[in-house]
Structures are given as C-alpha cells and as structure tokens.
C-alpha cells in the first residue's frame, strides 16, 4: 500500500494549491474586481498581513494562477491579475458556492446536534 496522499486522493494537490487560507479570497478579488495593485488587495482583504499577502501572491504567480506586471515608473507600479489558468477555476468555485448554499444549513444543524450530545 502506497502511503503517498496524492496516490490515495488525486485531488489533494489541487486542494493544497487552491484552498489554502488566503488563495481563494485573493483569486476571488482579482476575478471580481480585475487587475489590482498590492494596496488595493490589502484594502479588500482587511485581515491579511502584508507579509502573508506578499507570500501568497508570489506562490500564486509561481503556480500560474495570477500574473504580475511591473511598470518601471517613478514610483514603480506593480499590478496583479488573475491568469487564464486561475480563471479556469471559476466553474469549480461556482459549484462550491452552490453546494454551500444548499448544504451549509445542514452542516450547521449537524454541528449543533453533535455539540448538544456532548
């Protein structure tokens, strides 16, 4: 038996890439509002620290889910935009949103029932 989680669950790498703590809100913001500068993203994602935002943006760029455009001006300007690869996640997010609308009330009831029994 192979203990490799990627062999046991072929979507594990996708979950690691897409569903880390800040990836989904960053991608959603770039998809919803278009090209943005760092400060604009920081304002929209009010609880993220600049350090974490920088780390996540770098990882998303490395993964090909966003593009970074450097404008050599004074002062320099950097913009981030969702890539075609990142945009291709749209149907997945739409399905998850539908699932959430249909099933989160049942999850909440199950949690309440579980907690009440403890």
C-alpha atoms as a PDB file:
ATOM      1  CA  UNK A   1       0.000   0.000   0.000  1.00  0.00           C
ATOM      2  CA  UNK A   2       1.374   3.401  -1.016  1.00  0.00           C
ATOM      3  CA  UNK A   3       1.253   5.988   1.810  1.00  0.00           C
ATOM      4  CA  UNK A   4       1.508   8.878  -0.676  1.00  0.00           C
ATOM      5  CA  UNK A   5      -1.637  11.018  -0.177  1.00  0.00           C
ATOM      6  CA  UNK A   6      -1.566  12.092  -3.826  1.00  0.00           C
ATOM      7  CA  UNK A   7      -1.983   8.449  -4.813  1.00  0.00           C
ATOM      8  CA  UNK A   8      -4.778   7.926  -2.298  1.00  0.00           C
ATOM      9  CA  UNK A   9      -6.567  11.152  -3.261  1.00  0.00           C
ATOM     10  CA  UNK A  10      -5.752  12.561  -6.693  1.00  0.00           C
ATOM     11  CA  UNK A  11      -7.284  15.962  -5.905  1.00  0.00           C
ATOM     12  CA  UNK A  12      -5.023  16.551  -2.874  1.00  0.00           C
ATOM     13  CA  UNK A  13      -2.558  18.680  -4.871  1.00  0.00           C
ATOM     14  CA  UNK A  14      -5.412  20.835  -6.167  1.00  0.00           C
ATOM     15  CA  UNK A  15      -6.741  21.339  -2.658  1.00  0.00           C
ATOM     16  CA  UNK A  16      -3.246  22.319  -1.482  1.00  0.00           C
ATOM     17  CA  UNK A  17      -2.890  24.872  -4.294  1.00  0.00           C
ATOM     18  CA  UNK A  18      -6.346  26.394  -4.365  1.00  0.00           C
ATOM     19  CA  UNK A  19      -7.741  26.134  -0.866  1.00  0.00           C
ATOM     20  CA  UNK A  20      -5.003  27.473   1.337  1.00  0.00           C
ATOM     21  CA  UNK A  21      -6.124  30.159   3.786  1.00  0.00           C
ATOM     22  CA  UNK A  22      -5.775  33.205   1.515  1.00  0.00           C
ATOM     23  CA  UNK A  23      -5.686  31.812  -2.012  1.00  0.00           C
ATOM     24  CA  UNK A  24      -9.426  31.713  -2.560  1.00  0.00           C
ATOM     25  CA  UNK A  25     -10.109  35.293  -1.349  1.00  0.00           C
ATOM     26  CA  UNK A  26      -7.215  36.646  -3.448  1.00  0.00           C
ATOM     27  CA  UNK A  27      -8.371  34.839  -6.580  1.00  0.00           C
ATOM     28  CA  UNK A  28     -11.975  35.865  -5.965  1.00  0.00           C
ATOM     29  CA  UNK A  29     -10.969  39.518  -5.547  1.00  0.00           C
ATOM     30  CA  UNK A  30      -8.853  39.524  -8.709  1.00  0.00           C
ATOM     31  CA  UNK A  31     -11.610  37.787 -10.655  1.00  0.00           C
ATOM     32  CA  UNK A  32     -14.357  40.045  -9.313  1.00  0.00           C
ATOM     33  CA  UNK A  33     -12.573  43.416  -9.457  1.00  0.00           C
ATOM     34  CA  UNK A  34      -9.946  42.843 -12.151  1.00  0.00           C
ATOM     35  CA  UNK A  35      -6.333  43.991 -12.144  1.00  0.00           C
ATOM     36  CA  UNK A  36      -5.280  45.426  -8.791  1.00  0.00           C
ATOM     37  CA  UNK A  37      -2.275  46.848  -7.061  1.00  0.00           C
ATOM     38  CA  UNK A  38      -0.970  45.385  -3.807  1.00  0.00           C
ATOM     39  CA  UNK A  39      -2.589  48.153  -1.731  1.00  0.00           C
ATOM     40  CA  UNK A  40      -5.982  47.564  -3.341  1.00  0.00           C
ATOM     41  CA  UNK A  41      -5.831  43.856  -2.489  1.00  0.00           C
ATOM     42  CA  UNK A  42      -4.710  44.693   1.026  1.00  0.00           C
ATOM     43  CA  UNK A  43      -7.719  47.007   1.477  1.00  0.00           C
ATOM     44  CA  UNK A  44     -10.156  44.375   0.235  1.00  0.00           C
ATOM     45  CA  UNK A  45      -8.677  41.582   2.368  1.00  0.00           C
ATOM     46  CA  UNK A  46      -8.659  43.561   5.578  1.00  0.00           C
ATOM     47  CA  UNK A  47      -7.329  40.885   7.931  1.00  0.00           C
ATOM     48  CA  UNK A  48      -4.366  39.677   5.857  1.00  0.00           C
ATOM     49  CA  UNK A  49      -0.925  40.930   6.829  1.00  0.00           C
ATOM     50  CA  UNK A  50       1.333  42.471   4.173  1.00  0.00           C
ATOM     51  CA  UNK A  51       3.857  39.670   4.700  1.00  0.00           C
ATOM     52  CA  UNK A  52       1.277  36.928   4.122  1.00  0.00           C
ATOM     53  CA  UNK A  53      -0.233  38.755   1.141  1.00  0.00           C
ATOM     54  CA  UNK A  54       3.231  39.015  -0.422  1.00  0.00           C
ATOM     55  CA  UNK A  55       3.886  35.305   0.191  1.00  0.00           C
ATOM     56  CA  UNK A  56       0.537  34.222  -1.256  1.00  0.00           C
ATOM     57  CA  UNK A  57       0.876  36.464  -4.316  1.00  0.00           C
ATOM     58  CA  UNK A  58       4.318  35.021  -5.022  1.00  0.00           C
ATOM     59  CA  UNK A  59       3.012  31.473  -4.676  1.00  0.00           C
ATOM     60  CA  UNK A  60       0.006  32.178  -6.894  1.00  0.00           C
ATOM     61  CA  UNK A  61       2.293  33.702  -9.516  1.00  0.00           C
ATOM     62  CA  UNK A  62       4.608  30.675  -9.259  1.00  0.00           C
ATOM     63  CA  UNK A  63       1.600  28.356  -9.686  1.00  0.00           C
ATOM     64  CA  UNK A  64       0.491  30.313 -12.756  1.00  0.00           C
ATOM     65  CA  UNK A  65      -2.837  31.381 -11.258  1.00  0.00           C
ATOM     66  CA  UNK A  66      -2.066  35.112 -11.368  1.00  0.00           C
ATOM     67  CA  UNK A  67       0.197  37.376 -13.370  1.00  0.00           C
ATOM     68  CA  UNK A  68       2.328  40.186 -12.002  1.00  0.00           C
ATOM     69  CA  UNK A  69       3.059  43.198 -14.173  1.00  0.00           C
ATOM     70  CA  UNK A  70       5.864  45.564 -13.217  1.00  0.00           C
ATOM     71  CA  UNK A  71       5.642  49.110 -14.599  1.00  0.00           C
ATOM     72  CA  UNK A  72       9.059  50.850 -14.439  1.00  0.00           C
ATOM     73  CA  UNK A  73       7.744  54.263 -13.453  1.00  0.00           C
ATOM     74  CA  UNK A  74       8.626  56.650 -10.671  1.00  0.00           C
ATOM     75  CA  UNK A  75       7.450  55.400  -8.276  1.00  0.00           C
ATOM     76  CA  UNK A  76       7.377  51.841  -9.635  1.00  0.00           C
ATOM     77  CA  UNK A  77       3.939  50.293 -10.029  1.00  0.00           C
ATOM     78  CA  UNK A  78       3.088  46.588  -9.757  1.00  0.00           C
ATOM     79  CA  UNK A  79      -0.286  45.132 -10.696  1.00  0.00           C
ATOM     80  CA  UNK A  80      -1.721  41.667 -10.186  1.00  0.00           C
ATOM     81  CA  UNK A  81      -4.296  40.000 -12.377  1.00  0.00           C
ATOM     82  CA  UNK A  82      -5.919  36.583 -12.455  1.00  0.00           C
ATOM     83  CA  UNK A  83      -4.494  34.460 -15.282  1.00  0.00           C
ATOM     84  CA  UNK A  84      -6.456  32.305 -17.707  1.00  0.00           C
ATOM     85  CA  UNK A  85      -5.408  29.305 -15.621  1.00  0.00           C
ATOM     86  CA  UNK A  86      -6.714  30.990 -12.466  1.00  0.00           C
ATOM     87  CA  UNK A  87      -9.918  31.991 -14.249  1.00  0.00           C
ATOM     88  CA  UNK A  88     -10.428  28.355 -15.260  1.00  0.00           C
ATOM     89  CA  UNK A  89     -11.191  27.646 -11.584  1.00  0.00           C
ATOM     90  CA  UNK A  90     -14.423  29.673 -11.914  1.00  0.00           C
ATOM     91  CA  UNK A  91     -16.702  26.670 -12.566  1.00  0.00           C
ATOM     92  CA  UNK A  92     -15.207  24.853  -9.574  1.00  0.00           C
ATOM     93  CA  UNK A  93     -15.882  27.842  -7.324  1.00  0.00           C
ATOM     94  CA  UNK A  94     -19.411  28.177  -8.748  1.00  0.00           C
ATOM     95  CA  UNK A  95     -20.129  24.523  -7.910  1.00  0.00           C
ATOM     96  CA  UNK A  96     -18.752  25.010  -4.409  1.00  0.00           C
ATOM     97  CA  UNK A  97     -20.894  28.117  -3.914  1.00  0.00           C
ATOM     98  CA  UNK A  98     -23.980  26.158  -4.979  1.00  0.00           C
ATOM     99  CA  UNK A  99     -23.033  23.316  -2.645  1.00  0.00           C
ATOM    100  CA  UNK A 100     -22.552  25.807   0.195  1.00  0.00           C
ATOM    101  CA  UNK A 101     -25.962  27.397  -0.378  1.00  0.00           C
ATOM    102  CA  UNK A 102     -27.659  24.010  -0.438  1.00  0.00           C
ATOM    103  CA  UNK A 103     -25.745  22.253   2.331  1.00  0.00           C
ATOM    104  CA  UNK A 104     -24.257  24.629   4.907  1.00  0.00           C
ATOM    105  CA  UNK A 105     -27.539  24.861   6.835  1.00  0.00           C
ATOM    106  CA  UNK A 106     -27.455  21.047   7.187  1.00  0.00           C
ATOM    107  CA  UNK A 107     -23.812  21.211   8.304  1.00  0.00           C
ATOM    108  CA  UNK A 108     -24.766  23.796  10.915  1.00  0.00           C
ATOM    109  CA  UNK A 109     -27.643  21.608  12.175  1.00  0.00           C
ATOM    110  CA  UNK A 110     -25.328  18.587  12.359  1.00  0.00           C
ATOM    111  CA  UNK A 111     -22.789  20.584  14.366  1.00  0.00           C
ATOM    112  CA  UNK A 112     -25.447  21.806  16.772  1.00  0.00           C
ATOM    113  CA  UNK A 113     -26.750  18.275  17.228  1.00  0.00           C
ATOM    114  CA  UNK A 114     -23.246  16.915  17.786  1.00  0.00           C
ATOM    115  CA  UNK A 115     -22.382  19.668  20.280  1.00  0.00           C
ATOM    116  CA  UNK A 116     -25.648  19.173  22.175  1.00  0.00           C
ATOM    117  CA  UNK A 117     -24.921  15.470  22.570  1.00  0.00           C
ATOM    118  CA  UNK A 118     -21.517  16.144  24.134  1.00  0.00           C
END
